[in-house]
Amino acid sequence: EVFNIMIELFNQEYAVQAYGNAMEKKGIKIGEKIGEKIGEKRGEKRGEKNGRNRIIRLFSKLHELGKNEDTEKALKDPKYLEKLLKDYGLAED
C-alpha cells in the first residue's frame, strides 16, 4: 500500500514538473513574441524619426541655398526627394 502511494505521488510530481516545463516553454515563446513586437515598434519609431530628421536637414540646406523650386518639387515627387537626399549625402545606408 505504501509503495502504491509513493508511486502515485511520484507520478503526480512528474506530471506537475512536465506541466510546469510545458508552461515555461509556452511562457518563453509568448515573451519572445512580445519582445519582437516591442522591438519592431521601437525600430519603426526610430526609422520615422531618422527619416524626418533627414528631410528636415535636406529642406534646411535647400532653404539655405535658396533652392525653393527643389523643395517644392521634392514635396510633390517622392523619387525626386530620394534623389536630393542622395545628392546631399542624406540617403539611408
PDB file of N, CA and C in Angstrom:
ATOM      1  N   GLU A   1       0.822  -1.201   0.000  1.00  0.00           N
ATOM      2  CA  GLU A   1       0.000   0.000   0.000  1.00  0.00           C
ATOM      3  C   GLU A   1       0.865   1.263   0.000  1.00  0.00           C
ATOM      4  N   VAL A   2       1.846   1.316   0.871  1.00  0.00           N
ATOM      5  CA  VAL A   2       2.750   2.471   0.948  1.00  0.00           C
ATOM      6  C   VAL A   2       3.473   2.641  -0.382  1.00  0.00           C
ATOM      7  N   PHE A   3       3.872   1.525  -0.971  1.00  0.00           N
ATOM      8  CA  PHE A   3       4.571   1.568  -2.256  1.00  0.00           C
ATOM      9  C   PHE A   3       3.692   2.196  -3.326  1.00  0.00           C
ATOM     10  N   ASN A   4       2.424   1.807  -3.368  1.00  0.00           N
ATOM     11  CA  ASN A   4       1.493   2.361  -4.352  1.00  0.00           C
ATOM     12  C   ASN A   4       1.291   3.861  -4.140  1.00  0.00           C
ATOM     13  N   ILE A   5       1.232   4.273  -2.882  1.00  0.00           N
ATOM     14  CA  ILE A   5       1.079   5.701  -2.587  1.00  0.00           C
ATOM     15  C   ILE A   5       2.317   6.465  -3.061  1.00  0.00           C
ATOM     16  N   MET A   6       3.502   5.874  -2.844  1.00  0.00           N
ATOM     17  CA  MET A   6       4.741   6.518  -3.279  1.00  0.00           C
ATOM     18  C   MET A   6       4.793   6.645  -4.795  1.00  0.00           C
ATOM     19  N   ILE A   7       4.376   5.589  -5.482  1.00  0.00           N
ATOM     20  CA  ILE A   7       4.359   5.639  -6.951  1.00  0.00           C
ATOM     21  C   ILE A   7       3.365   6.693  -7.430  1.00  0.00           C
ATOM     22  N   GLU A   8       2.206   6.758  -6.806  1.00  0.00           N
ATOM     23  CA  GLU A   8       1.198   7.751  -7.178  1.00  0.00           C
ATOM     24  C   GLU A   8       1.740   9.170  -6.968  1.00  0.00           C
ATOM     25  N   LEU A   9       2.386   9.390  -5.828  1.00  0.00           N
ATOM     26  CA  LEU A   9       2.968  10.707  -5.553  1.00  0.00           C
ATOM     27  C   LEU A   9       4.062  11.053  -6.558  1.00  0.00           C
ATOM     28  N   PHE A  10       4.879  10.051  -6.889  1.00  0.00           N
ATOM     29  CA  PHE A  10       5.932  10.266  -7.882  1.00  0.00           C
ATOM     30  C   PHE A  10       5.322  10.648  -9.229  1.00  0.00           C
ATOM     31  N   ASN A  11       4.285   9.910  -9.629  1.00  0.00           N
ATOM     32  CA  ASN A  11       3.625  10.197 -10.904  1.00  0.00           C
ATOM     33  C   ASN A  11       3.005  11.593 -10.908  1.00  0.00           C
ATOM     34  N   GLN A  12       2.409  11.964  -9.792  1.00  0.00           N
ATOM     35  CA  GLN A  12       1.820  13.302  -9.698  1.00  0.00           C
ATOM     36  C   GLN A  12       2.906  14.373  -9.790  1.00  0.00           C
ATOM     37  N   GLU A  13       4.008  14.153  -9.066  1.00  0.00           N
ATOM     38  CA  GLU A  13       5.121  15.116  -9.100  1.00  0.00           C
ATOM     39  C   GLU A  13       5.689  15.214 -10.519  1.00  0.00           C
ATOM     40  N   TYR A  14       5.835  14.081 -11.183  1.00  0.00           N
ATOM     41  CA  TYR A  14       6.342  14.062 -12.553  1.00  0.00           C
ATOM     42  C   TYR A  14       5.395  14.825 -13.478  1.00  0.00           C
ATOM     43  N   ALA A  15       4.097  14.611 -13.312  1.00  0.00           N
ATOM     44  CA  ALA A  15       3.103  15.306 -14.144  1.00  0.00           C
ATOM     45  C   ALA A  15       3.159  16.808 -13.894  1.00  0.00           C
ATOM     46  N   VAL A  16       3.305  17.202 -12.639  1.00  0.00           N
ATOM     47  CA  VAL A  16       3.396  18.631 -12.309  1.00  0.00           C
ATOM     48  C   VAL A  16       4.639  19.239 -12.947  1.00  0.00           C
ATOM     49  N   GLN A  17       5.767  18.545 -12.870  1.00  0.00           N
ATOM     50  CA  GLN A  17       7.003  19.040 -13.470  1.00  0.00           C
ATOM     51  C   GLN A  17       6.869  19.139 -14.988  1.00  0.00           C
ATOM     52  N   ALA A  18       6.291  18.121 -15.598  1.00  0.00           N
ATOM     53  CA  ALA A  18       6.112  18.129 -17.050  1.00  0.00           C
ATOM     54  C   ALA A  18       5.204  19.288 -17.471  1.00  0.00           C
ATOM     55  N   TYR A  19       4.134  19.488 -16.717  1.00  0.00           N
ATOM     56  CA  TYR A  19       3.218  20.604 -16.999  1.00  0.00           C
ATOM     57  C   TYR A  19       3.945  21.936 -16.815  1.00  0.00           C
ATOM     58  N   GLY A  20       4.725  22.029 -15.732  1.00  0.00           N
ATOM     59  CA  GLY A  20       5.480  23.250 -15.460  1.00  0.00           C
ATOM     60  C   GLY A  20       6.475  23.553 -16.574  1.00  0.00           C
ATOM     61  N   ASN A  21       7.155  22.516 -17.055  1.00  0.00           N
ATOM     62  CA  ASN A  21       8.107  22.699 -18.157  1.00  0.00           C
ATOM     63  C   ASN A  21       7.403  23.164 -19.426  1.00  0.00           C
ATOM     64  N   ALA A  22       6.253  22.570 -19.698  1.00  0.00           N
ATOM     65  CA  ALA A  22       5.495  22.955 -20.892  1.00  0.00           C
ATOM     66  C   ALA A  22       5.032  24.413 -20.782  1.00  0.00           C
ATOM     67  N   MET A  23       4.561  24.800 -19.616  1.00  0.00           N
ATOM     68  CA  MET A  23       4.098  26.174 -19.412  1.00  0.00           C
ATOM     69  C   MET A  23       5.262  27.161 -19.492  1.00  0.00           C
ATOM     70  N   GLU A  24       6.427  26.739 -18.976  1.00  0.00           N
ATOM     71  CA  GLU A  24       7.612  27.597 -19.051  1.00  0.00           C
ATOM     72  C   GLU A  24       7.987  27.838 -20.513  1.00  0.00           C
ATOM     73  N   LYS A  25       7.985  26.784 -21.317  1.00  0.00           N
ATOM     74  CA  LYS A  25       8.309  26.932 -22.744  1.00  0.00           C
ATOM     75  C   LYS A  25       7.291  27.826 -23.438  1.00  0.00           C
ATOM     76  N   LYS A  26       6.020  27.633 -23.095  1.00  0.00           N
ATOM     77  CA  LYS A  26       4.978  28.469 -23.685  1.00  0.00           C
ATOM     78  C   LYS A  26       5.169  29.930 -23.266  1.00  0.00           C
ATOM     79  N   GLY A  27       5.511  30.126 -22.003  1.00  0.00           N
ATOM     80  CA  GLY A  27       5.758  31.475 -21.491  1.00  0.00           C
ATOM     81  C   GLY A  27       6.936  32.133 -22.193  1.00  0.00           C
ATOM     82  N   ILE A  28       7.977  31.360 -22.443  1.00  0.00           N
ATOM     83  CA  ILE A  28       9.148  31.887 -23.151  1.00  0.00           C
ATOM     84  C   ILE A  28       8.756  32.311 -24.560  1.00  0.00           C
ATOM     85  N   LYS A  29       7.975  31.479 -25.242  1.00  0.00           N
ATOM     86  CA  LYS A  29       7.546  31.820 -26.602  1.00  0.00           C
ATOM     87  C   LYS A  29       6.695  33.086 -26.608  1.00  0.00           C
ATOM     88  N   ILE A  30       5.799  33.188 -25.654  1.00  0.00           N
ATOM     89  CA  ILE A  30       4.951  34.382 -25.554  1.00  0.00           C
ATOM     90  C   ILE A  30       5.832  35.608 -25.283  1.00  0.00           C
ATOM     91  N   GLY A  31       6.783  35.460 -24.379  1.00  0.00           N
ATOM     92  CA  GLY A  31       7.707  36.553 -24.064  1.00  0.00           C
ATOM     93  C   GLY A  31       8.521  36.975 -25.274  1.00  0.00           C
ATOM     94  N   GLU A  32       8.973  36.004 -26.054  1.00  0.00           N
ATOM     95  CA  GLU A  32       9.737  36.323 -27.259  1.00  0.00           C
ATOM     96  C   GLU A  32       8.884  37.092 -28.260  1.00  0.00           C
ATOM     97  N   LYS A  33       7.641  36.667 -28.436  1.00  0.00           N
ATOM     98  CA  LYS A  33       6.742  37.363 -29.372  1.00  0.00           C
ATOM     99  C   LYS A  33       6.496  38.795 -28.917  1.00  0.00           C
ATOM    100  N   ILE A  34       6.261  38.965 -27.621  1.00  0.00           N
ATOM    101  CA  ILE A  34       6.040  40.314 -27.081  1.00  0.00           C
ATOM    102  C   ILE A  34       7.297  41.155 -27.297  1.00  0.00           C
ATOM    103  N   GLY A  35       8.457  40.578 -27.027  1.00  0.00           N
ATOM    104  CA  GLY A  35       9.724  41.281 -27.226  1.00  0.00           C
ATOM    105  C   GLY A  35       9.939  41.684 -28.675  1.00  0.00           C
ATOM    106  N   GLU A  36       9.590  40.792 -29.597  1.00  0.00           N
ATOM    107  CA  GLU A  36       9.715  41.106 -31.017  1.00  0.00           C
ATOM    108  C   GLU A  36       8.826  42.286 -31.393  1.00  0.00           C
ATOM    109  N   LYS A  37       7.593  42.268 -30.912  1.00  0.00           N
ATOM    110  CA  LYS A  37       6.657  43.362 -31.216  1.00  0.00           C
ATOM    111  C   LYS A  37       7.169  44.692 -30.667  1.00  0.00           C
ATOM    112  N   ILE A  38       7.674  44.652 -29.439  1.00  0.00           N
ATOM    113  CA  ILE A  38       8.212  45.878 -28.829  1.00  0.00           C
ATOM    114  C   ILE A  38       9.401  46.370 -29.648  1.00  0.00           C
ATOM    115  N   GLY A  39      10.277  45.456 -30.034  1.00  0.00           N
ATOM    116  CA  GLY A  39      11.444  45.814 -30.844  1.00  0.00           C
ATOM    117  C   GLY A  39      11.048  46.395 -32.192  1.00  0.00           C
ATOM    118  N   GLU A  40      10.037  45.796 -32.822  1.00  0.00           N
ATOM    119  CA  GLU A  40       9.566  46.304 -34.110  1.00  0.00           C
ATOM    120  C   GLU A  40       9.027  47.728 -33.962  1.00  0.00           C
ATOM    121  N   LYS A  41       8.236  47.947 -32.928  1.00  0.00           N
ATOM    122  CA  LYS A  41       7.670  49.290 -32.693  1.00  0.00           C
ATOM    123  C   LYS A  41       8.776  50.307 -32.468  1.00  0.00           C
ATOM    124  N   ARG A  42       9.765  49.932 -31.646  1.00  0.00           N
ATOM    125  CA  ARG A  42      10.888  50.843 -31.396  1.00  0.00           C
ATOM    126  C   ARG A  42      11.634  51.139 -32.682  1.00  0.00           C
ATOM    127  N   GLY A  43      11.869  50.106 -33.481  1.00  0.00           N
ATOM    128  CA  GLY A  43      12.566  50.283 -34.758  1.00  0.00           C
ATOM    129  C   GLY A  43      11.796  51.186 -35.707  1.00  0.00           C
ATOM    130  N   GLU A  44      10.483  50.987 -35.757  1.00  0.00           N
ATOM    131  CA  GLU A  44       9.661  51.839 -36.617  1.00  0.00           C
ATOM    132  C   GLU A  44       9.734  53.296 -36.171  1.00  0.00           C
ATOM    133  N   LYS A  45       9.644  53.520 -34.856  1.00  0.00           N
ATOM    134  CA  LYS A  45       9.711  54.889 -34.340  1.00  0.00           C
ATOM    135  C   LYS A  45      11.058  55.527 -34.646  1.00  0.00           C
ATOM    136  N   ARG A  46      12.133  54.763 -34.452  1.00  0.00           N
ATOM    137  CA  ARG A  46      13.472  55.289 -34.746  1.00  0.00           C
ATOM    138  C   ARG A  46      13.610  55.603 -36.235  1.00  0.00           C
ATOM    139  N   GLY A  47      13.111  54.706 -37.063  1.00  0.00           N
ATOM    140  CA  GLY A  47      13.184  54.917 -38.509  1.00  0.00           C
ATOM    141  C   GLY A  47      12.413  56.155 -38.941  1.00  0.00           C
ATOM    142  N   GLU A  48      11.222  56.319 -38.389  1.00  0.00           N
ATOM    143  CA  GLU A  48      10.427  57.502 -38.717  1.00  0.00           C
ATOM    144  C   GLU A  48      11.138  58.769 -38.268  1.00  0.00           C
ATOM    145  N   LYS A  49      11.693  58.733 -37.062  1.00  0.00           N
ATOM    146  CA  LYS A  49      12.403  59.903 -36.541  1.00  0.00           C
ATOM    147  C   LYS A  49      13.622  60.217 -37.399  1.00  0.00           C
ATOM    148  N   ASN A  50      14.383  59.194 -37.756  1.00  0.00           N
ATOM    149  CA  ASN A  50      15.561  59.403 -38.605  1.00  0.00           C
ATOM    150  C   ASN A  50      15.166  59.954 -39.968  1.00  0.00           C
ATOM    151  N   GLY A  51      14.090  59.430 -40.530  1.00  0.00           N
ATOM    152  CA  GLY A  51      13.612  59.911 -41.829  1.00  0.00           C
ATOM    153  C   GLY A  51      13.197  61.377 -41.770  1.00  0.00           C
ATOM    154  N   ARG A  52      12.449  61.723 -40.725  1.00  0.00           N
ATOM    155  CA  ARG A  52      12.050  63.126 -40.552  1.00  0.00           C
ATOM    156  C   ARG A  52      13.270  64.028 -40.423  1.00  0.00           C
ATOM    157  N   ASN A  53      14.233  63.593 -39.627  1.00  0.00           N
ATOM    158  CA  ASN A  53      15.441  64.405 -39.430  1.00  0.00           C
ATOM    159  C   ASN A  53      16.210  64.597 -40.727  1.00  0.00           C
ATOM    160  N   ARG A  54      16.289  63.554 -41.547  1.00  0.00           N
ATOM    161  CA  ARG A  54      16.983  63.661 -42.843  1.00  0.00           C
ATOM    162  C   ARG A  54      16.275  64.673 -43.738  1.00  0.00           C
ATOM    163  N   ILE A  55      14.951  64.603 -43.761  1.00  0.00           N
ATOM    164  CA  ILE A  55      14.184  65.521 -44.615  1.00  0.00           C
ATOM    165  C   ILE A  55      14.309  66.956 -44.105  1.00  0.00           C
ATOM    166  N   ILE A  56      14.264  67.126 -42.791  1.00  0.00           N
ATOM    167  CA  ILE A  56      14.426  68.473 -42.218  1.00  0.00           C
ATOM    168  C   ILE A  56      15.797  69.036 -42.586  1.00  0.00           C
ATOM    169  N   ARG A  57      16.840  68.210 -42.471  1.00  0.00           N
ATOM    170  CA  ARG A  57      18.183  68.682 -42.825  1.00  0.00           C
ATOM    171  C   ARG A  57      18.267  69.037 -44.303  1.00  0.00           C
ATOM    172  N   LEU A  58      17.645  68.205 -45.142  1.00  0.00           N
ATOM    173  CA  LEU A  58      17.639  68.497 -46.580  1.00  0.00           C
ATOM    174  C   LEU A  58      16.938  69.813 -46.858  1.00  0.00           C
ATOM    175  N   PHE A  59      15.736  69.985 -46.325  1.00  0.00           N
ATOM    176  CA  PHE A  59      14.981  71.209 -46.598  1.00  0.00           C
ATOM    177  C   PHE A  59      15.684  72.433 -46.022  1.00  0.00           C
ATOM    178  N   SER A  60      16.342  72.281 -44.893  1.00  0.00           N
ATOM    179  CA  SER A  60      17.111  73.389 -44.331  1.00  0.00           C
ATOM    180  C   SER A  60      18.246  73.773 -45.268  1.00  0.00           C
ATOM    181  N   LYS A  61      18.930  72.770 -45.792  1.00  0.00           N
ATOM    182  CA  LYS A  61      20.033  73.022 -46.733  1.00  0.00           C
ATOM    183  C   LYS A  61      19.514  73.676 -48.007  1.00  0.00           C
ATOM    184  N   LEU A  62      18.410  73.158 -48.526  1.00  0.00           N
ATOM    185  CA  LEU A  62      17.840  73.751 -49.747  1.00  0.00           C
ATOM    186  C   LEU A  62      17.424  75.196 -49.498  1.00  0.00           C
ATOM    187  N   HIS A  63      16.844  75.466 -48.350  1.00  0.00           N
ATOM    188  CA  HIS A  63      16.439  76.830 -47.994  1.00  0.00           C
ATOM    189  C   HIS A  63      17.667  77.738 -47.899  1.00  0.00           C
ATOM    190  N   GLU A  64      18.706  77.214 -47.251  1.00  0.00           N
ATOM    191  CA  GLU A  64      19.956  77.961 -47.095  1.00  0.00           C
ATOM    192  C   GLU A  64      20.547  78.337 -48.451  1.00  0.00           C
ATOM    193  N   LEU A  65      20.399  77.424 -49.414  1.00  0.00           N
ATOM    194  CA  LEU A  65      20.944  77.646 -50.759  1.00  0.00           C
ATOM    195  C   LEU A  65      19.957  78.379 -51.672  1.00  0.00           C
ATOM    196  N   GLY A  66      18.773  78.693 -51.153  1.00  0.00           N
ATOM    197  CA  GLY A  66      17.768  79.391 -51.957  1.00  0.00           C
ATOM    198  C   GLY A  66      17.149  78.521 -53.050  1.00  0.00           C
ATOM    199  N   LYS A  67      17.116  77.222 -52.825  1.00  0.00           N
ATOM    200  CA  LYS A  67      16.587  76.288 -53.838  1.00  0.00           C
ATOM    201  C   LYS A  67      15.137  75.945 -53.512  1.00  0.00           C
ATOM    202  N   ASN A  68      14.298  76.954 -53.549  1.00  0.00           N
ATOM    203  CA  ASN A  68      12.881  76.776 -53.219  1.00  0.00           C
ATOM    204  C   ASN A  68      12.156  75.893 -54.220  1.00  0.00           C
ATOM    205  N   GLU A  69      12.551  75.972 -55.494  1.00  0.00           N
ATOM    206  CA  GLU A  69      11.907  75.132 -56.521  1.00  0.00           C
ATOM    207  C   GLU A  69      12.175  73.645 -56.247  1.00  0.00           C
ATOM    208  N   ASP A  70      13.413  73.343 -55.826  1.00  0.00           N
ATOM    209  CA  ASP A  70      13.737  71.950 -55.494  1.00  0.00           C
ATOM    210  C   ASP A  70      12.906  71.467 -54.306  1.00  0.00           C
ATOM    211  N   THR A  71      12.718  72.349 -53.319  1.00  0.00           N
ATOM    212  CA  THR A  71      11.915  71.988 -52.153  1.00  0.00           C
ATOM    213  C   THR A  71      10.489  71.687 -52.574  1.00  0.00           C
ATOM    214  N   GLU A  72       9.911  72.562 -53.380  1.00  0.00           N
ATOM    215  CA  GLU A  72       8.531  72.356 -53.838  1.00  0.00           C
ATOM    216  C   GLU A  72       8.398  71.075 -54.645  1.00  0.00           C
ATOM    217  N   LYS A  73       9.358  70.822 -55.534  1.00  0.00           N
ATOM    218  CA  LYS A  73       9.308  69.610 -56.351  1.00  0.00           C
ATOM    219  C   LYS A  73       9.455  68.357 -55.469  1.00  0.00           C
ATOM    220  N   ALA A  74      10.345  68.436 -54.478  1.00  0.00           N
ATOM    221  CA  ALA A  74      10.563  67.286 -53.579  1.00  0.00           C
ATOM    222  C   ALA A  74       9.309  66.974 -52.763  1.00  0.00           C
ATOM    223  N   LEU A  75       8.547  68.014 -52.423  1.00  0.00           N
ATOM    224  CA  LEU A  75       7.311  67.816 -51.669  1.00  0.00           C
ATOM    225  C   LEU A  75       6.254  67.080 -52.487  1.00  0.00           C
ATOM    226  N   LYS A  76       6.332  67.196 -53.800  1.00  0.00           N
ATOM    227  CA  LYS A  76       5.334  66.583 -54.682  1.00  0.00           C
ATOM    228  C   LYS A  76       5.799  65.266 -55.296  1.00  0.00           C
ATOM    229  N   ASP A  77       7.106  65.039 -55.329  1.00  0.00           N
ATOM    230  CA  ASP A  77       7.655  63.897 -56.052  1.00  0.00           C
ATOM    231  C   ASP A  77       8.603  63.092 -55.158  1.00  0.00           C
ATOM    232  N   PRO A  78       8.144  61.964 -54.612  1.00  0.00           N
ATOM    233  CA  PRO A  78       8.985  61.151 -53.715  1.00  0.00           C
ATOM    234  C   PRO A  78      10.296  60.679 -54.353  1.00  0.00           C
ATOM    235  N   LYS A  79      10.279  60.408 -55.650  1.00  0.00           N
ATOM    236  CA  LYS A  79      11.511  59.970 -56.319  1.00  0.00           C
ATOM    237  C   LYS A  79      12.528  61.109 -56.362  1.00  0.00           C
ATOM    238  N   TYR A  80      12.040  62.314 -56.607  1.00  0.00           N
ATOM    239  CA  TYR A  80      12.923  63.473 -56.623  1.00  0.00           C
ATOM    240  C   TYR A  80      13.464  63.745 -55.217  1.00  0.00           C
ATOM    241  N   LEU A  81      12.636  63.559 -54.221  1.00  0.00           N
ATOM    242  CA  LEU A  81      13.068  63.713 -52.830  1.00  0.00           C
ATOM    243  C   LEU A  81      14.217  62.752 -52.532  1.00  0.00           C
ATOM    244  N   GLU A  82      14.075  61.491 -52.921  1.00  0.00           N
ATOM    245  CA  GLU A  82      15.132  60.499 -52.712  1.00  0.00           C
ATOM    246  C   GLU A  82      16.404  60.889 -53.455  1.00  0.00           C
ATOM    247  N   LYS A  83      16.247  61.401 -54.665  1.00  0.00           N
ATOM    248  CA  LYS A  83      17.412  61.847 -55.440  1.00  0.00           C
ATOM    249  C   LYS A  83      18.144  62.958 -54.695  1.00  0.00           C
ATOM    250  N   LEU A  84      17.390  63.938 -54.187  1.00  0.00           N
ATOM    251  CA  LEU A  84      18.016  65.036 -53.457  1.00  0.00           C
ATOM    252  C   LEU A  84      18.687  64.541 -52.182  1.00  0.00           C
ATOM    253  N   LEU A  85      18.048  63.616 -51.477  1.00  0.00           N
ATOM    254  CA  LEU A  85      18.662  63.051 -50.278  1.00  0.00           C
ATOM    255  C   LEU A  85      20.007  62.400 -50.618  1.00  0.00           C
ATOM    256  N   LYS A  86      20.059  61.700 -51.729  1.00  0.00           N
ATOM    257  CA  LYS A  86      21.318  61.082 -52.174  1.00  0.00           C
ATOM    258  C   LYS A  86      22.324  62.152 -52.562  1.00  0.00           C
ATOM    259  N   ASP A  87      21.865  63.120 -53.337  1.00  0.00           N
ATOM    260  CA  ASP A  87      22.760  64.178 -53.808  1.00  0.00           C
ATOM    261  C   ASP A  87      23.409  64.950 -52.663  1.00  0.00           C
ATOM    262  N   TYR A  88      22.686  65.115 -51.560  1.00  0.00           N
ATOM    263  CA  TYR A  88      23.189  65.870 -50.424  1.00  0.00           C
ATOM    264  C   TYR A  88      23.750  64.974 -49.314  1.00  0.00           C
ATOM    265  N   GLY A  89      23.940  63.689 -49.636  1.00  0.00           N
ATOM    266  CA  GLY A  89      24.550  62.767 -48.687  1.00  0.00           C
ATOM    267  C   GLY A  89      23.675  62.426 -47.481  1.00  0.00           C
ATOM    268  N   LEU A  90      22.368  62.497 -47.678  1.00  0.00           N
ATOM    269  CA  LEU A  90      21.444  62.233 -46.578  1.00  0.00           C
ATOM    270  C   LEU A  90      20.609  60.969 -46.778  1.00  0.00           C
ATOM    271  N   ALA A  91      20.948  60.183 -47.804  1.00  0.00           N
ATOM    272  CA  ALA A  91      20.195  58.958 -48.084  1.00  0.00           C
ATOM    273  C   ALA A  91      20.483  57.922 -47.007  1.00  0.00           C
ATOM    274  N   GLU A  92      19.525  57.017 -46.824  1.00  0.00           N
ATOM    275  CA  GLU A  92      19.713  55.913 -45.873  1.00  0.00           C
ATOM    276  C   GLU A  92      20.828  55.016 -46.376  1.00  0.00           C
ATOM    277  N   ASP A  93      21.500  54.384 -45.409  1.00  0.00           N
ATOM    278  CA  ASP A  93      22.597  53.450 -45.776  1.00  0.00           C
ATOM    279  C   ASP A  93      22.052  52.224 -46.423  1.00  0.00           C
TER     280      ASP A  93
END
